Amino acid sequence: MGDPLANVVWEALTTNHVAFAEGAGGARRYQPDVAVFAGMADDSPAAWAALAELVGADHVAVLFRESPVDAPDGWSVPFGGQGHQMVLTAPLATPPAADIIELDASDAPEMRALVKLTEPGPFAARTHELGGYVGIRDPDDGRLLAMAGRRASVPGFTEVSAVCTHPDARRRGYAEAVTAAVATRLLDDGVTPFLHVAVDNHNARRVYERMGFTTRRIAHFVGVRAPSA
C-alpha cells in the first residue's frame, strides 16, 4: 500500500470519512457544509468526468494532494498554492496546557467567528462535526481565545487543523498548546497526528518542528472550475 497521505482527501473520503462524502466513481467531495475539499482516485479522464458531474458546470472543486494539478481542456484554475505536510515523527515535545477545554456543537458559532477573524483556513458550518475540537477561553470574560481540532482522517493518521488564536491573545503559546492537546488525544487513540502549514508561514513551521513534526512533502492545493455546460 502506498502512502495514504499522498492523496489524503481521496483516502479520507473513501475510508474514515465516508459518512461525510458525496460522489461516485473516481471523484468524491466532502459535503459542502462540512469542508471544501474534493479528491480524485487518479488523473484519468473518467475521474475528471466524475468530478465535473459531482460539482456541476462552472462550479469550483478544491483539490489537495501530493502532485501538481494539470487540469484538462475546458477546466480553469482560479487559485492554488502549496503547503508543508508535516507528520509527528518524534515524541511530542509540548505538554498539554491545564486550561484546555473541550468544544462541541454549542460552541460552533464562536468557533466560526474566531476562524473568520483569524483565517487559518476553510471552516464551514459543520466542520466542527469532524470532531476533537479543543480551546482556551479568557478566564475573565469567557471569550474563545484559541482553538484547534481535526480534519482529514485516514487509517492510522488524523490531521490537526483550524489552529488559530485571537489577536488579543497572541504570543502566549496558545496555538502550540491547543495543537499539543489535539495531538495528545490522537496519540492516546493510537493515531499519528499530521498537519499542513503554508510554505510562507515560517514561524508556524518552526513551532511545529520544535514540537516534533517533520515535513513529509510539499502538498499542492488548487481550485479547479468545471467546464461550462
C-alpha atoms as a PDB file:
ATOM      1  CA  MET A   1       0.000   0.000   0.000  1.00  0.00           C
ATOM      2  CA  GLY A   2       1.219   3.499  -0.812  1.00  0.00           C
ATOM      3  CA  ASP A   3       1.369   6.494   1.490  1.00  0.00           C
ATOM      4  CA  PRO A   4      -2.239   7.356   2.472  1.00  0.00           C
ATOM      5  CA  LEU A   5      -1.212  10.995   2.969  1.00  0.00           C
ATOM      6  CA  ALA A   6      -0.144  11.443  -0.671  1.00  0.00           C
ATOM      7  CA  ASN A   7      -3.760  11.772  -1.845  1.00  0.00           C
ATOM      8  CA  VAL A   8      -5.205  12.360   1.587  1.00  0.00           C
ATOM      9  CA  VAL A   9      -8.630  13.793   0.733  1.00  0.00           C
ATOM     10  CA  TRP A  10      -9.500  10.881  -1.564  1.00  0.00           C
ATOM     11  CA  GLU A  11      -8.218   8.413   1.027  1.00  0.00           C
ATOM     12  CA  ALA A  12     -10.218  10.077   3.803  1.00  0.00           C
ATOM     13  CA  LEU A  13     -13.457  10.182   1.828  1.00  0.00           C
ATOM     14  CA  THR A  14     -13.203   6.510   0.898  1.00  0.00           C
ATOM     15  CA  THR A  15     -12.240   5.303   4.404  1.00  0.00           C
ATOM     16  CA  ASN A  16     -12.655   7.090   7.744  1.00  0.00           C
ATOM     17  CA  HIS A  17     -14.794   9.948   6.415  1.00  0.00           C
ATOM     18  CA  VAL A  18     -17.060   8.069   4.028  1.00  0.00           C
ATOM     19  CA  ALA A  19     -20.049   9.279   6.080  1.00  0.00           C
ATOM     20  CA  PHE A  20     -19.188  12.870   5.097  1.00  0.00           C
ATOM     21  CA  ALA A  21     -18.630  12.058   1.400  1.00  0.00           C
ATOM     22  CA  GLU A  22     -20.547  12.828  -1.767  1.00  0.00           C
ATOM     23  CA  GLY A  23     -19.846  11.418  -5.215  1.00  0.00           C
ATOM     24  CA  ALA A  24     -19.229   8.184  -7.070  1.00  0.00           C
ATOM     25  CA  GLY A  25     -16.727   6.622  -9.393  1.00  0.00           C
ATOM     26  CA  GLY A  26     -13.345   8.288  -9.341  1.00  0.00           C
ATOM     27  CA  ALA A  27     -14.324  11.509  -7.528  1.00  0.00           C
ATOM     28  CA  ARG A  28     -15.537  12.391  -4.039  1.00  0.00           C
ATOM     29  CA  ARG A  29     -16.005  15.596  -2.086  1.00  0.00           C
ATOM     30  CA  TYR A  30     -16.885  16.483   1.466  1.00  0.00           C
ATOM     31  CA  GLN A  31     -20.463  17.565   1.981  1.00  0.00           C
ATOM     32  CA  PRO A  32     -20.124  21.312   1.279  1.00  0.00           C
ATOM     33  CA  ASP A  33     -21.211  22.403   4.751  1.00  0.00           C
ATOM     34  CA  VAL A  34     -18.527  20.155   6.294  1.00  0.00           C
ATOM     35  CA  ALA A  35     -15.424  21.017   4.236  1.00  0.00           C
ATOM     36  CA  VAL A  36     -14.492  22.491   0.868  1.00  0.00           C
ATOM     37  CA  PHE A  37     -12.136  19.745  -0.327  1.00  0.00           C
ATOM     38  CA  ALA A  38     -12.582  17.152  -3.063  1.00  0.00           C
ATOM     39  CA  GLY A  39     -10.434  14.259  -4.176  1.00  0.00           C
ATOM     40  CA  MET A  40      -9.945  12.013  -7.169  1.00  0.00           C
ATOM     41  CA  ALA A  41      -8.666   8.465  -7.393  1.00  0.00           C
ATOM     42  CA  ASP A  42      -6.287   9.456 -10.200  1.00  0.00           C
ATOM     43  CA  ASP A  43      -5.970  11.858 -13.133  1.00  0.00           C
ATOM     44  CA  SER A  44      -7.798   9.669 -15.640  1.00  0.00           C
ATOM     45  CA  PRO A  45     -10.416  11.183 -17.971  1.00  0.00           C
ATOM     46  CA  ALA A  46     -13.036   9.130 -16.129  1.00  0.00           C
ATOM     47  CA  ALA A  47     -12.070  10.675 -12.782  1.00  0.00           C
ATOM     48  CA  TRP A  48     -12.189  14.215 -14.172  1.00  0.00           C
ATOM     49  CA  ALA A  49     -15.581  13.467 -15.732  1.00  0.00           C
ATOM     50  CA  ALA A  50     -16.829  12.182 -12.377  1.00  0.00           C
ATOM     51  CA  LEU A  51     -15.568  15.366 -10.685  1.00  0.00           C
ATOM     52  CA  ALA A  52     -17.320  17.547 -13.272  1.00  0.00           C
ATOM     53  CA  GLU A  53     -20.590  15.715 -12.693  1.00  0.00           C
ATOM     54  CA  LEU A  54     -20.152  15.964  -8.926  1.00  0.00           C
ATOM     55  CA  VAL A  55     -19.507  19.709  -8.683  1.00  0.00           C
ATOM     56  CA  GLY A  56     -21.625  20.856 -11.623  1.00  0.00           C
ATOM     57  CA  ALA A  57     -20.899  23.051 -14.624  1.00  0.00           C
ATOM     58  CA  ASP A  58     -18.886  26.201 -13.874  1.00  0.00           C
ATOM     59  CA  HIS A  59     -18.501  25.301 -10.182  1.00  0.00           C
ATOM     60  CA  VAL A  60     -15.212  25.005  -8.291  1.00  0.00           C
ATOM     61  CA  ALA A  61     -13.682  21.980  -6.574  1.00  0.00           C
ATOM     62  CA  VAL A  62     -10.717  22.356  -4.221  1.00  0.00           C
ATOM     63  CA  LEU A  63      -8.149  19.572  -4.603  1.00  0.00           C
ATOM     64  CA  PHE A  64      -5.400  18.847  -2.081  1.00  0.00           C
ATOM     65  CA  ARG A  65      -2.738  16.286  -2.950  1.00  0.00           C
ATOM     66  CA  GLU A  66       0.901  15.394  -3.491  1.00  0.00           C
ATOM     67  CA  SER A  67       1.286  16.154  -7.206  1.00  0.00           C
ATOM     68  CA  PRO A  68       0.612  19.387  -9.092  1.00  0.00           C
ATOM     69  CA  VAL A  69      -2.708  19.540 -10.923  1.00  0.00           C
ATOM     70  CA  ASP A  70      -2.784  19.557 -14.708  1.00  0.00           C
ATOM     71  CA  ALA A  71      -6.427  20.286 -15.438  1.00  0.00           C
ATOM     72  CA  PRO A  72      -7.903  19.028 -18.719  1.00  0.00           C
ATOM     73  CA  ASP A  73      -9.133  21.272 -21.510  1.00  0.00           C
ATOM     74  CA  GLY A  74     -12.240  23.184 -20.540  1.00  0.00           C
ATOM     75  CA  TRP A  75     -11.290  23.426 -16.859  1.00  0.00           C
ATOM     76  CA  SER A  76      -9.808  26.597 -15.377  1.00  0.00           C
ATOM     77  CA  VAL A  77      -7.658  27.108 -12.274  1.00  0.00           C
ATOM     78  CA  PRO A  78      -8.762  30.231 -10.361  1.00  0.00           C
ATOM     79  CA  PHE A  79      -6.382  29.775  -7.413  1.00  0.00           C
ATOM     80  CA  GLY A  80      -3.771  27.492  -5.907  1.00  0.00           C
ATOM     81  CA  GLY A  81      -0.858  27.224  -3.523  1.00  0.00           C
ATOM     82  CA  GLN A  82       1.467  24.926  -1.617  1.00  0.00           C
ATOM     83  CA  GLY A  83       1.967  23.852   1.961  1.00  0.00           C
ATOM     84  CA  HIS A  84       4.227  21.715   4.102  1.00  0.00           C
ATOM     85  CA  GLN A  85       2.575  18.437   5.034  1.00  0.00           C
ATOM     86  CA  MET A  86       4.078  17.694   8.432  1.00  0.00           C
ATOM     87  CA  VAL A  87       3.836  14.447  10.420  1.00  0.00           C
ATOM     88  CA  LEU A  88       4.659  13.925  14.077  1.00  0.00           C
ATOM     89  CA  THR A  89       7.778  11.742  13.959  1.00  0.00           C
ATOM     90  CA  ALA A  90       9.233  12.312  17.433  1.00  0.00           C
ATOM     91  CA  PRO A  91       7.818  12.247  20.956  1.00  0.00           C
ATOM     92  CA  LEU A  92       5.550  15.253  21.372  1.00  0.00           C
ATOM     93  CA  ALA A  93       7.699  17.939  22.944  1.00  0.00           C
ATOM     94  CA  THR A  94       4.880  20.151  24.243  1.00  0.00           C
ATOM     95  CA  PRO A  95       2.850  19.050  27.279  1.00  0.00           C
ATOM     96  CA  PRO A  96      -0.864  19.909  27.116  1.00  0.00           C
ATOM     97  CA  ALA A  97      -1.846  23.052  28.993  1.00  0.00           C
ATOM     98  CA  ALA A  98      -4.074  22.839  32.056  1.00  0.00           C
ATOM     99  CA  ASP A  99      -6.625  25.361  30.780  1.00  0.00           C
ATOM    100  CA  ILE A 100      -7.676  23.388  27.687  1.00  0.00           C
ATOM    101  CA  ILE A 101     -11.437  22.857  27.336  1.00  0.00           C
ATOM    102  CA  GLU A 102     -13.461  20.574  25.084  1.00  0.00           C
ATOM    103  CA  LEU A 103     -15.570  22.278  22.398  1.00  0.00           C
ATOM    104  CA  ASP A 104     -18.796  20.921  20.924  1.00  0.00           C
ATOM    105  CA  ALA A 105     -21.710  21.945  18.726  1.00  0.00           C
ATOM    106  CA  SER A 106     -22.863  24.553  21.255  1.00  0.00           C
ATOM    107  CA  ASP A 107     -19.565  26.382  20.709  1.00  0.00           C
ATOM    108  CA  ALA A 108     -19.807  26.321  16.891  1.00  0.00           C
ATOM    109  CA  PRO A 109     -20.904  29.971  16.425  1.00  0.00           C
ATOM    110  CA  GLU A 110     -17.917  31.193  18.460  1.00  0.00           C
ATOM    111  CA  MET A 111     -15.627  28.829  16.601  1.00  0.00           C
ATOM    112  CA  ARG A 112     -16.760  30.176  13.239  1.00  0.00           C
ATOM    113  CA  ALA A 113     -16.369  33.751  14.485  1.00  0.00           C
ATOM    114  CA  LEU A 114     -12.788  33.079  15.593  1.00  0.00           C
ATOM    115  CA  VAL A 115     -11.979  31.456  12.247  1.00  0.00           C
ATOM    116  CA  LYS A 116     -13.471  34.410  10.372  1.00  0.00           C
ATOM    117  CA  LEU A 117     -11.314  36.784  12.404  1.00  0.00           C
ATOM    118  CA  THR A 118      -8.051  34.854  12.115  1.00  0.00           C
ATOM    119  CA  GLU A 119      -8.392  32.997   8.755  1.00  0.00           C
ATOM    120  CA  PRO A 120      -6.490  29.773   9.496  1.00  0.00           C
ATOM    121  CA  GLY A 121      -8.148  28.090   6.513  1.00  0.00           C
ATOM    122  CA  PRO A 122     -11.539  26.884   5.314  1.00  0.00           C
ATOM    123  CA  PHE A 123     -14.089  26.236   8.051  1.00  0.00           C
ATOM    124  CA  ALA A 124     -17.721  25.529   7.183  1.00  0.00           C
ATOM    125  CA  ALA A 125     -20.935  25.403   9.198  1.00  0.00           C
ATOM    126  CA  ARG A 126     -20.477  21.710  10.113  1.00  0.00           C
ATOM    127  CA  THR A 127     -16.672  21.444  10.171  1.00  0.00           C
ATOM    128  CA  HIS A 128     -16.832  21.019  13.934  1.00  0.00           C
ATOM    129  CA  GLU A 129     -18.559  17.666  13.348  1.00  0.00           C
ATOM    130  CA  LEU A 130     -15.207  16.249  12.235  1.00  0.00           C
ATOM    131  CA  GLY A 131     -14.507  16.215  15.956  1.00  0.00           C
ATOM    132  CA  GLY A 132     -11.788  16.585  18.523  1.00  0.00           C
ATOM    133  CA  TYR A 133     -12.043  20.350  18.953  1.00  0.00           C
ATOM    134  CA  VAL A 134     -10.470  21.976  21.983  1.00  0.00           C
ATOM    135  CA  GLY A 135      -9.994  25.578  23.017  1.00  0.00           C
ATOM    136  CA  ILE A 136      -8.834  28.104  25.564  1.00  0.00           C
ATOM    137  CA  ARG A 137     -11.203  30.708  26.985  1.00  0.00           C
ATOM    138  CA  ASP A 138     -10.431  34.039  28.605  1.00  0.00           C
ATOM    139  CA  PRO A 139     -10.673  33.460  32.372  1.00  0.00           C
ATOM    140  CA  ASP A 140     -12.231  36.895  32.847  1.00  0.00           C
ATOM    141  CA  ASP A 141     -14.883  37.248  30.147  1.00  0.00           C
ATOM    142  CA  GLY A 142     -15.138  33.718  28.746  1.00  0.00           C
ATOM    143  CA  ARG A 143     -14.230  34.652  25.176  1.00  0.00           C
ATOM    144  CA  LEU A 144     -12.854  31.868  22.994  1.00  0.00           C
ATOM    145  CA  LEU A 145      -9.198  32.835  22.535  1.00  0.00           C
ATOM    146  CA  ALA A 146      -7.740  29.802  20.758  1.00  0.00           C
ATOM    147  CA  MET A 147      -8.813  26.513  19.251  1.00  0.00           C
ATOM    148  CA  ALA A 148      -7.775  23.523  17.173  1.00  0.00           C
ATOM    149  CA  GLY A 149      -9.420  20.323  16.027  1.00  0.00           C
ATOM    150  CA  ARG A 150      -9.393  17.514  13.488  1.00  0.00           C
ATOM    151  CA  ARG A 151      -9.938  17.445   9.742  1.00  0.00           C
ATOM    152  CA  ALA A 152      -8.877  14.753   7.242  1.00  0.00           C
ATOM    153  CA  SER A 153      -8.627  11.274   8.744  1.00  0.00           C
ATOM    154  CA  VAL A 154      -7.292   8.106   7.132  1.00  0.00           C
ATOM    155  CA  PRO A 155      -6.396   4.782   8.750  1.00  0.00           C
ATOM    156  CA  GLY A 156      -3.500   5.477  11.111  1.00  0.00           C
ATOM    157  CA  PHE A 157      -3.356   9.264  10.638  1.00  0.00           C
ATOM    158  CA  THR A 158      -5.544  12.264  11.504  1.00  0.00           C
ATOM    159  CA  GLU A 159      -4.970  15.907  10.646  1.00  0.00           C
ATOM    160  CA  VAL A 160      -4.721  18.653  13.262  1.00  0.00           C
ATOM    161  CA  SER A 161      -6.472  21.649  11.748  1.00  0.00           C
ATOM    162  CA  ALA A 162      -8.114  25.054  12.318  1.00  0.00           C
ATOM    163  CA  VAL A 163      -5.335  26.118  14.697  1.00  0.00           C
ATOM    164  CA  CYS A 164      -5.970  29.768  15.500  1.00  0.00           C
ATOM    165  CA  THR A 165      -5.559  32.393  18.214  1.00  0.00           C
ATOM    166  CA  HIS A 166      -7.454  35.619  18.784  1.00  0.00           C
ATOM    167  CA  PRO A 167      -5.296  38.689  18.018  1.00  0.00           C
ATOM    168  CA  ASP A 168      -5.700  39.843  21.638  1.00  0.00           C
ATOM    169  CA  ALA A 169      -4.085  36.619  22.902  1.00  0.00           C
ATOM    170  CA  ARG A 170      -1.124  36.062  20.611  1.00  0.00           C
ATOM    171  CA  ARG A 171       2.406  35.372  21.849  1.00  0.00           C
ATOM    172  CA  ARG A 172       1.104  33.397  24.823  1.00  0.00           C
ATOM    173  CA  GLY A 173       1.798  29.966  23.330  1.00  0.00           C
ATOM    174  CA  TYR A 174      -1.890  29.185  22.887  1.00  0.00           C
ATOM    175  CA  ALA A 175      -1.590  27.850  19.321  1.00  0.00           C
ATOM    176  CA  GLU A 176       1.075  25.412  20.411  1.00  0.00           C
ATOM    177  CA  ALA A 177      -0.973  24.427  23.456  1.00  0.00           C
ATOM    178  CA  VAL A 178      -4.151  23.579  21.543  1.00  0.00           C
ATOM    179  CA  THR A 179      -2.156  21.776  18.841  1.00  0.00           C
ATOM    180  CA  ALA A 180      -0.480  19.685  21.536  1.00  0.00           C
ATOM    181  CA  ALA A 181      -3.828  18.925  23.150  1.00  0.00           C
ATOM    182  CA  VAL A 182      -5.328  17.606  19.896  1.00  0.00           C
ATOM    183  CA  ALA A 183      -2.151  15.680  19.072  1.00  0.00           C
ATOM    184  CA  THR A 184      -2.046  14.106  22.535  1.00  0.00           C
ATOM    185  CA  ARG A 185      -5.608  12.849  22.188  1.00  0.00           C
ATOM    186  CA  LEU A 186      -4.767  11.339  18.795  1.00  0.00           C
ATOM    187  CA  LEU A 187      -1.682   9.622  20.176  1.00  0.00           C
ATOM    188  CA  ASP A 188      -3.758   8.239  23.038  1.00  0.00           C
ATOM    189  CA  ASP A 189      -6.058   6.731  20.385  1.00  0.00           C
ATOM    190  CA  GLY A 190      -3.086   5.141  18.597  1.00  0.00           C
ATOM    191  CA  VAL A 191      -3.256   7.599  15.687  1.00  0.00           C
ATOM    192  CA  THR A 192      -0.351   9.627  14.264  1.00  0.00           C
ATOM    193  CA  PRO A 193      -1.058  13.386  14.011  1.00  0.00           C
ATOM    194  CA  PHE A 194      -0.221  15.334  10.879  1.00  0.00           C
ATOM    195  CA  LEU A 195      -0.948  18.886   9.758  1.00  0.00           C
ATOM    196  CA  HIS A 196      -0.481  21.359   6.942  1.00  0.00           C
ATOM    197  CA  VAL A 197       1.112  24.781   7.065  1.00  0.00           C
ATOM    198  CA  ALA A 198       1.545  27.296   4.225  1.00  0.00           C
ATOM    199  CA  VAL A 199       5.008  27.346   2.673  1.00  0.00           C
ATOM    200  CA  ASP A 200       5.495  31.001   3.625  1.00  0.00           C
ATOM    201  CA  ASN A 201       4.395  30.586   7.254  1.00  0.00           C
ATOM    202  CA  HIS A 202       7.919  30.060   8.549  1.00  0.00           C
ATOM    203  CA  ASN A 203       7.158  30.923  12.171  1.00  0.00           C
ATOM    204  CA  ALA A 204       4.412  28.309  12.469  1.00  0.00           C
ATOM    205  CA  ARG A 205       6.577  25.688  10.764  1.00  0.00           C
ATOM    206  CA  ARG A 206       9.393  26.298  13.250  1.00  0.00           C
ATOM    207  CA  VAL A 207       6.953  25.853  16.149  1.00  0.00           C
ATOM    208  CA  TYR A 208       5.698  22.565  14.715  1.00  0.00           C
ATOM    209  CA  GLU A 209       9.251  21.358  14.148  1.00  0.00           C
ATOM    210  CA  ARG A 210      10.074  22.147  17.767  1.00  0.00           C
ATOM    211  CA  MET A 211       7.056  20.088  18.797  1.00  0.00           C
ATOM    212  CA  GLY A 212       8.308  17.044  16.870  1.00  0.00           C
ATOM    213  CA  PHE A 213       6.670  17.416  13.437  1.00  0.00           C
ATOM    214  CA  THR A 214       8.736  16.986  10.266  1.00  0.00           C
ATOM    215  CA  THR A 215       7.869  17.782   6.665  1.00  0.00           C
ATOM    216  CA  ARG A 216       6.860  14.733   4.661  1.00  0.00           C
ATOM    217  CA  ARG A 217       6.170  16.544   1.401  1.00  0.00           C
ATOM    218  CA  ILE A 218       5.179  19.825  -0.176  1.00  0.00           C
ATOM    219  CA  ALA A 219       1.472  19.405  -0.837  1.00  0.00           C
ATOM    220  CA  HIS A 220      -0.489  21.212  -3.518  1.00  0.00           C
ATOM    221  CA  PHE A 221      -3.949  22.738  -3.133  1.00  0.00           C
ATOM    222  CA  VAL A 222      -5.752  24.137  -6.119  1.00  0.00           C
ATOM    223  CA  GLY A 223      -9.195  25.307  -7.088  1.00  0.00           C
ATOM    224  CA  VAL A 224     -10.402  23.886 -10.391  1.00  0.00           C
ATOM    225  CA  ARG A 225     -13.503  25.200 -12.149  1.00  0.00           C
ATOM    226  CA  ALA A 226     -15.529  22.707 -14.149  1.00  0.00           C
ATOM    227  CA  PRO A 227     -16.319  23.464 -17.793  1.00  0.00           C
ATOM    228  CA  SER A 228     -19.449  25.436 -18.506  1.00  0.00           C
ATOM    229  CA  ALA A 229     -22.466  23.489 -19.671  1.00  0.00           C
END
